[in-house]
Amino acid sequence: MIYLKNLKNMVTLFRWMALT
């Protein structure tokens, strides 16, 4: 599902932001 993949991408981005 594209939506699910998009959501996972968003979560990864958020985690990346939290790391920095």
N, C-alpha and C. Protein backbone atom coordinates (compact mmCIF):
# COMPACT_ATOMS: atom_id res chain seq x y z
N MET A 1 0.84 -1.21 0.00
CA MET A 1 0.00 0.00 0.00
C MET A 1 0.88 1.26 0.00
N ILE A 2 0.58 2.17 -0.87
CA ILE A 2 1.38 3.40 -0.96
C ILE A 2 1.21 4.22 0.31
N TYR A 3 -0.03 4.27 0.83
CA TYR A 3 -0.29 5.07 2.03
C TYR A 3 0.55 4.57 3.20
N LEU A 4 0.60 3.26 3.35
CA LEU A 4 1.36 2.68 4.45
C LEU A 4 2.85 3.00 4.29
N LYS A 5 3.32 2.91 3.05
CA LYS A 5 4.73 3.20 2.80
C LYS A 5 5.02 4.67 3.11
N ASN A 6 4.09 5.53 2.74
CA ASN A 6 4.25 6.96 3.01
C ASN A 6 4.30 7.21 4.51
N LEU A 7 3.45 6.52 5.24
CA LEU A 7 3.40 6.69 6.69
C LEU A 7 4.74 6.26 7.31
N LYS A 8 5.26 5.14 6.83
CA LYS A 8 6.52 4.64 7.36
C LYS A 8 7.63 5.64 7.07
N ASN A 9 7.58 6.23 5.88
CA ASN A 9 8.60 7.21 5.50
C ASN A 9 8.52 8.41 6.43
N MET A 10 7.31 8.82 6.74
CA MET A 10 7.10 9.97 7.63
C MET A 10 7.66 9.68 9.01
N VAL A 11 7.37 8.49 9.51
CA VAL A 11 7.85 8.11 10.84
C VAL A 11 9.37 8.12 10.87
N THR A 12 9.97 7.59 9.81
CA THR A 12 11.43 7.56 9.74
C THR A 12 11.99 8.97 9.76
N LEU A 13 11.32 9.86 9.03
CA LEU A 13 11.77 11.26 8.99
C LEU A 13 11.67 11.88 10.37
N PHE A 14 10.58 11.59 11.04
CA PHE A 14 10.39 12.16 12.38
C PHE A 14 11.46 11.66 13.34
N ARG A 15 11.77 10.36 13.23
CA ARG A 15 12.79 9.79 14.11
C ARG A 15 14.15 10.41 13.80
N TRP A 16 14.39 10.68 12.52
CA TRP A 16 15.65 11.31 12.13
C TRP A 16 15.75 12.69 12.73
N MET A 17 14.63 13.40 12.69
CA MET A 17 14.61 14.77 13.25
C MET A 17 14.86 14.72 14.76
N ALA A 18 14.28 13.74 15.41
CA ALA A 18 14.43 13.61 16.86
C ALA A 18 15.89 13.28 17.21
N LEU A 19 16.56 12.57 16.30
CA LEU A 19 17.95 12.19 16.55
C LEU A 19 18.85 13.42 16.55
N THR A 20 18.60 14.31 15.61
CA THR A 20 19.45 15.49 15.49
C THR A 20 18.98 16.60 16.42
